[in-house]
N, C-alpha and C. Protein backbone atom coordinates (compact mmCIF):
# COMPACT_ATOMS: atom_id res chain seq x y z
N MET A 1 85.06 113.20 98.87
CA MET A 1 85.01 113.81 100.10
C MET A 1 86.23 113.11 101.00
N CYS A 2 86.65 113.74 101.94
CA CYS A 2 87.64 113.37 102.78
C CYS A 2 87.28 113.60 104.29
N VAL A 3 87.84 112.78 105.06
CA VAL A 3 87.68 112.87 106.45
C VAL A 3 89.13 112.91 107.25
N ILE A 4 89.31 114.05 108.06
CA ILE A 4 90.54 114.14 108.80
C ILE A 4 90.18 114.14 110.21
N VAL A 5 90.63 113.12 110.99
CA VAL A 5 90.37 112.93 112.36
C VAL A 5 91.45 113.23 113.32
N ARG A 6 91.12 113.54 114.56
CA ARG A 6 92.08 113.59 115.70
C ARG A 6 91.55 112.62 116.71
N SER A 7 92.55 111.90 117.26
CA SER A 7 91.98 110.87 118.29
C SER A 7 93.22 110.31 119.09
N GLU A 8 93.06 109.83 120.23
CA GLU A 8 94.10 108.99 120.82
C GLU A 8 94.13 107.61 120.52
N ASP A 9 93.31 107.14 119.55
CA ASP A 9 93.34 105.81 119.13
C ASP A 9 94.22 105.56 117.99
N SER A 10 94.50 104.40 117.79
CA SER A 10 95.35 103.98 116.68
C SER A 10 94.78 104.44 115.44
N VAL A 11 95.45 104.48 114.27
CA VAL A 11 94.74 104.90 112.88
C VAL A 11 93.63 103.86 112.54
N PHE A 12 93.94 102.66 112.96
CA PHE A 12 92.88 101.58 112.59
C PHE A 12 91.65 101.84 113.43
N ASP A 13 91.74 102.10 114.65
CA ASP A 13 90.62 102.34 115.42
C ASP A 13 89.93 103.66 114.96
N GLN A 14 90.69 104.68 114.60
CA GLN A 14 90.00 105.93 114.09
C GLN A 14 89.42 105.63 112.88
N TRP A 15 89.90 104.81 111.88
CA TRP A 15 89.11 104.38 110.73
C TRP A 15 87.85 103.66 111.04
N ALA A 16 87.90 102.64 111.98
CA ALA A 16 86.79 101.91 112.41
C ALA A 16 85.58 102.94 112.91
N ASN A 17 86.13 103.89 113.73
CA ASN A 17 85.06 104.94 114.28
C ASN A 17 84.54 105.79 113.13
N VAL A 18 85.33 106.15 112.28
CA VAL A 18 84.87 107.03 111.15
C VAL A 18 83.87 106.22 110.30
N GLU A 19 84.34 104.96 110.00
CA GLU A 19 83.46 104.15 109.18
C GLU A 19 82.08 103.99 109.73
N PHE A 20 82.08 103.63 111.13
CA PHE A 20 80.85 103.50 111.90
C PHE A 20 79.80 104.90 111.76
N VAL A 21 80.46 106.04 111.90
CA VAL A 21 79.71 107.20 111.70
C VAL A 21 79.33 107.46 110.32
N LEU A 22 80.08 107.30 109.37
CA LEU A 22 79.81 107.44 107.93
C LEU A 22 78.70 106.49 107.57
N ARG A 23 78.67 105.25 107.92
CA ARG A 23 77.69 104.33 107.50
C ARG A 23 76.41 104.83 108.20
N GLY A 24 76.47 105.23 109.55
CA GLY A 24 75.24 105.58 110.26
C GLY A 24 74.53 106.64 109.53
N HIS A 25 75.27 107.61 108.87
CA HIS A 25 74.73 108.83 108.33
C HIS A 25 74.52 108.58 106.71
N GLY A 26 74.73 107.47 106.28
CA GLY A 26 74.61 107.15 104.80
C GLY A 26 75.80 107.92 103.89
N LEU A 27 76.72 108.23 104.53
CA LEU A 27 77.86 108.79 103.87
C LEU A 27 79.10 107.97 103.35
N TYR A 28 78.99 106.78 103.69
CA TYR A 28 80.28 105.97 103.53
C TYR A 28 80.97 105.94 102.07
N GLY A 29 79.90 105.84 101.19
CA GLY A 29 80.28 105.73 99.67
C GLY A 29 80.84 106.86 99.24
N TYR A 30 80.79 108.13 99.91
CA TYR A 30 81.21 109.44 99.55
C TYR A 30 82.61 109.80 99.84
N VAL A 31 83.20 109.10 100.82
CA VAL A 31 84.58 109.37 101.33
C VAL A 31 85.49 108.57 100.49
N GLU A 32 86.63 109.24 100.02
CA GLU A 32 87.67 108.59 99.19
C GLU A 32 88.92 108.41 100.01
N THR A 33 89.15 109.16 101.01
CA THR A 33 90.47 109.13 101.79
C THR A 33 90.17 109.58 103.24
N VAL A 34 90.89 108.90 104.20
CA VAL A 34 90.86 109.34 105.76
C VAL A 34 92.21 109.51 106.08
N ARG A 35 92.60 110.62 106.68
CA ARG A 35 93.82 110.94 107.16
C ARG A 35 93.63 111.12 108.77
N ALA A 36 94.73 110.58 109.56
CA ALA A 36 94.68 110.65 110.95
C ALA A 36 96.07 110.72 111.54
N ARG A 37 96.34 111.33 112.47
CA ARG A 37 97.61 111.39 113.14
C ARG A 37 97.79 110.15 114.07
N GLU A 38 98.99 109.48 113.92
CA GLU A 38 99.31 108.52 114.71
C GLU A 38 99.43 108.97 116.25
N PRO A 39 98.96 108.14 117.13
CA PRO A 39 99.09 108.66 118.57
C PRO A 39 100.34 108.36 119.09
N THR A 40 101.27 109.07 118.55
CA THR A 40 102.72 109.00 119.18
C THR A 40 103.27 110.41 119.57
N ARG A 41 104.31 110.35 120.33
CA ARG A 41 104.89 111.70 120.78
C ARG A 41 105.48 112.43 119.58
N GLU A 42 106.03 111.58 118.63
CA GLU A 42 106.76 112.40 117.42
C GLU A 42 105.60 113.01 116.58
N SER A 43 104.48 112.50 116.50
CA SER A 43 103.32 112.91 115.75
C SER A 43 102.79 114.20 116.28
N LEU A 44 103.06 114.69 117.46
CA LEU A 44 102.50 115.83 118.04
C LEU A 44 102.95 117.09 117.26
N ARG A 45 104.15 117.00 116.59
CA ARG A 45 104.51 118.05 115.65
C ARG A 45 103.60 118.32 114.49
N GLU A 46 102.88 117.44 114.22
CA GLU A 46 101.90 117.52 113.00
C GLU A 46 100.42 117.64 113.36
N LYS A 47 100.12 117.87 114.60
CA LYS A 47 98.76 118.13 115.11
C LYS A 47 98.33 119.35 114.65
N LYS A 48 96.88 119.56 114.33
CA LYS A 48 96.56 120.84 114.05
C LYS A 48 96.98 121.78 115.07
N PRO A 49 97.18 123.06 114.74
CA PRO A 49 96.91 123.64 113.32
C PRO A 49 98.00 123.56 112.25
N GLU A 50 98.82 122.66 112.38
CA GLU A 50 99.75 122.19 111.30
C GLU A 50 98.87 121.68 110.12
N PRO A 51 99.03 121.98 108.94
CA PRO A 51 98.18 121.60 107.93
C PRO A 51 98.70 120.28 107.27
N THR A 52 99.46 119.50 107.77
CA THR A 52 100.09 118.40 107.12
C THR A 52 99.13 117.35 106.63
N TYR A 53 98.09 117.03 107.43
CA TYR A 53 97.11 116.11 106.99
C TYR A 53 96.09 116.68 105.98
N LEU A 54 95.79 117.87 106.04
CA LEU A 54 94.92 118.60 105.16
C LEU A 54 95.55 118.53 103.74
N GLU A 55 96.74 118.92 103.80
CA GLU A 55 97.58 119.02 102.52
C GLU A 55 97.60 117.65 101.90
N ALA A 56 97.88 116.51 102.62
CA ALA A 56 98.01 115.04 102.20
C ALA A 56 96.70 114.68 101.73
N ALA A 57 95.58 115.01 102.56
CA ALA A 57 94.20 114.58 101.95
C ALA A 57 94.06 115.29 100.58
N ALA A 58 94.24 116.56 100.55
CA ALA A 58 93.95 117.14 99.24
C ALA A 58 94.76 116.55 97.97
N ALA A 59 96.06 116.26 98.26
CA ALA A 59 96.83 115.54 97.28
C ALA A 59 96.23 114.22 96.89
N ASP A 60 95.69 113.43 98.03
CA ASP A 60 95.14 112.22 97.72
C ASP A 60 93.89 112.28 96.72
N LEU A 61 93.18 113.36 96.91
CA LEU A 61 91.87 113.69 96.08
C LEU A 61 92.18 114.41 94.87
N GLY A 62 93.44 114.99 94.62
CA GLY A 62 93.71 115.87 93.46
C GLY A 62 92.88 116.98 93.51
N CYS A 63 92.67 117.55 94.56
CA CYS A 63 91.81 118.85 94.88
C CYS A 63 92.52 120.04 94.48
N SER A 64 91.95 120.90 93.74
CA SER A 64 92.65 122.18 93.43
C SER A 64 91.97 123.42 94.20
N ASN A 65 90.85 123.27 94.74
CA ASN A 65 90.21 124.17 95.43
C ASN A 65 89.43 123.59 96.67
N PRO A 66 90.08 123.20 97.76
CA PRO A 66 89.39 122.42 98.73
C PRO A 66 88.72 123.33 99.73
N LEU A 67 87.63 122.90 100.34
CA LEU A 67 86.94 123.51 101.27
C LEU A 67 87.10 122.81 102.53
N TYR A 68 87.60 123.36 103.63
CA TYR A 68 87.74 122.51 104.90
C TYR A 68 86.60 123.12 105.96
N VAL A 69 86.00 122.17 106.53
CA VAL A 69 84.92 122.41 107.48
C VAL A 69 85.52 121.97 108.84
N GLY A 70 85.47 122.91 109.77
CA GLY A 70 85.84 122.60 111.08
C GLY A 70 84.97 123.17 112.23
N ASP A 71 85.15 122.73 113.47
CA ASP A 71 84.27 123.39 114.57
C ASP A 71 85.19 123.93 115.60
N SER A 72 86.46 124.03 115.28
CA SER A 72 87.33 124.77 116.40
C SER A 72 88.39 125.79 115.56
N GLU A 73 88.89 126.69 116.34
CA GLU A 73 89.65 127.76 115.68
C GLU A 73 90.93 127.10 115.26
N SER A 74 91.43 125.96 115.72
CA SER A 74 92.56 125.35 115.29
C SER A 74 92.34 124.77 113.79
N ASP A 75 90.94 124.26 113.74
CA ASP A 75 90.60 123.79 112.25
C ASP A 75 90.68 124.91 111.33
N ILE A 76 90.27 126.05 111.61
CA ILE A 76 90.24 127.18 110.74
C ILE A 76 91.63 127.55 110.40
N VAL A 77 92.45 127.72 111.33
CA VAL A 77 93.93 128.01 111.21
C VAL A 77 94.54 127.08 110.29
N ALA A 78 94.33 125.81 110.52
CA ALA A 78 94.99 124.72 109.81
C ALA A 78 94.60 124.84 108.28
N GLY A 79 93.20 124.98 108.11
CA GLY A 79 92.76 125.22 106.72
C GLY A 79 93.32 126.37 106.04
N GLN A 80 93.49 127.49 106.82
CA GLN A 80 93.95 128.67 106.08
C GLN A 80 95.44 128.49 105.79
N GLN A 81 96.13 127.73 106.73
CA GLN A 81 97.64 127.54 106.48
C GLN A 81 97.89 126.61 105.24
N ALA A 82 96.91 125.82 105.02
CA ALA A 82 96.85 124.90 103.85
C ALA A 82 96.46 125.58 102.62
N GLY A 83 95.85 126.88 102.76
CA GLY A 83 95.58 127.63 101.63
C GLY A 83 94.11 127.20 101.14
N PHE A 84 93.38 126.69 102.11
CA PHE A 84 92.00 126.33 101.68
C PHE A 84 90.94 127.30 102.22
N ASP A 85 89.80 127.38 101.52
CA ASP A 85 88.77 128.13 102.04
C ASP A 85 88.20 127.31 103.26
N THR A 86 87.55 127.96 104.20
CA THR A 86 87.25 127.36 105.33
C THR A 86 85.86 127.72 105.79
N VAL A 87 85.17 126.62 106.42
CA VAL A 87 83.95 126.94 107.03
C VAL A 87 83.94 126.52 108.48
N PHE A 88 83.46 127.55 109.37
CA PHE A 88 83.37 127.29 110.79
C PHE A 88 82.03 126.85 111.04
N LEU A 89 82.01 125.51 111.47
CA LEU A 89 80.58 124.90 111.78
C LEU A 89 80.29 125.28 113.23
N ARG A 90 79.29 126.20 113.36
CA ARG A 90 78.87 126.62 114.69
C ARG A 90 77.82 125.76 115.13
N ARG A 91 78.00 125.04 116.32
CA ARG A 91 77.03 124.14 116.82
C ARG A 91 76.82 124.45 118.26
N ASP A 92 75.96 123.64 119.05
CA ASP A 92 75.66 124.00 120.36
C ASP A 92 76.87 124.11 121.15
N HIS A 93 77.92 123.22 121.08
CA HIS A 93 79.02 123.33 121.96
C HIS A 93 80.03 124.41 121.62
N ASN A 94 79.92 125.16 120.62
CA ASN A 94 80.70 126.40 120.27
C ASN A 94 79.91 127.50 119.74
N ALA A 95 78.61 127.58 120.13
CA ALA A 95 77.71 128.57 119.58
C ALA A 95 78.28 129.98 120.09
N THR A 96 78.83 130.16 121.12
CA THR A 96 79.07 131.50 121.61
C THR A 96 80.64 131.76 121.56
N ARG A 97 81.37 130.83 121.01
CA ARG A 97 82.93 130.93 120.95
C ARG A 97 83.29 132.00 120.02
N HIS A 98 84.15 132.90 120.42
CA HIS A 98 84.63 133.99 119.68
C HIS A 98 85.92 133.52 118.99
N LEU A 99 85.98 133.72 117.70
CA LEU A 99 87.20 133.32 117.05
C LEU A 99 88.12 134.41 116.69
N GLU A 100 89.43 134.28 117.00
CA GLU A 100 90.46 135.21 116.68
C GLU A 100 90.82 135.36 115.26
N ILE A 101 90.44 134.52 114.47
CA ILE A 101 90.66 134.33 112.96
C ILE A 101 89.31 134.31 112.29
N GLU A 102 89.28 134.71 111.07
CA GLU A 102 88.07 134.82 110.29
C GLU A 102 87.91 133.74 109.33
N PRO A 103 87.07 132.76 109.41
CA PRO A 103 86.82 131.77 108.44
C PRO A 103 86.24 132.44 107.17
N THR A 104 86.30 131.66 105.94
CA THR A 104 85.65 132.06 104.79
C THR A 104 84.24 132.29 104.94
N VAL A 105 83.56 131.38 105.79
CA VAL A 105 82.12 131.42 105.91
C VAL A 105 81.89 130.53 107.22
N GLU A 106 80.65 131.03 107.85
CA GLU A 106 80.19 130.18 109.10
C GLU A 106 78.98 129.55 108.52
N ALA A 107 78.70 128.33 109.25
CA ALA A 107 77.47 127.55 108.90
C ALA A 107 77.01 126.93 110.24
N GLU A 108 75.73 126.77 110.39
CA GLU A 108 75.19 126.11 111.48
C GLU A 108 74.98 124.59 111.41
N SER A 109 75.07 124.01 110.22
CA SER A 109 74.92 122.55 110.10
C SER A 109 75.57 122.11 108.90
N LEU A 110 75.80 120.96 108.80
CA LEU A 110 76.49 120.18 107.53
C LEU A 110 75.56 120.42 106.33
N SER A 111 74.21 120.46 106.54
CA SER A 111 73.26 120.73 105.46
C SER A 111 73.48 122.17 104.87
N ALA A 112 73.69 123.01 105.75
CA ALA A 112 74.04 124.39 105.30
C ALA A 112 75.24 124.50 104.53
N VAL A 113 76.28 123.67 104.90
CA VAL A 113 77.48 123.62 104.03
C VAL A 113 77.31 122.97 102.62
N LEU A 114 76.38 122.05 102.57
CA LEU A 114 76.14 121.56 101.23
C LEU A 114 75.45 122.51 100.40
N GLU A 115 74.69 123.44 100.98
CA GLU A 115 74.03 124.52 100.15
C GLU A 115 75.17 125.35 99.61
N LEU A 116 76.25 125.54 100.29
CA LEU A 116 77.29 126.47 99.86
C LEU A 116 77.96 125.89 98.59
N LEU A 117 77.99 124.66 98.45
CA LEU A 117 78.48 123.92 97.34
C LEU A 117 77.71 124.17 95.95
């Protein structure tokens, strides 16, 4: 499994935040790579929906058929631009959001995503 994050924090701080969340949910041992954009002006060219970090993460893992889960339209666009199947995670904060692009599938929880696998 891989985690791709976006934040205004440094990559070190992003990893610390990701590690905290993963450990809190018992998922730490399942993550093999974390990719994050440096908080610099130059890196803005690579922010989602650019698939830069998705492609890098897939290469890190040697994935031939990645599934990208996101909760925003830019997540779905990035996943599709990378050639991945996509899952739109519909939660309280985006329950009524209309998407201009069609994900491979929609799910209401990460548990539901696991059932797809």
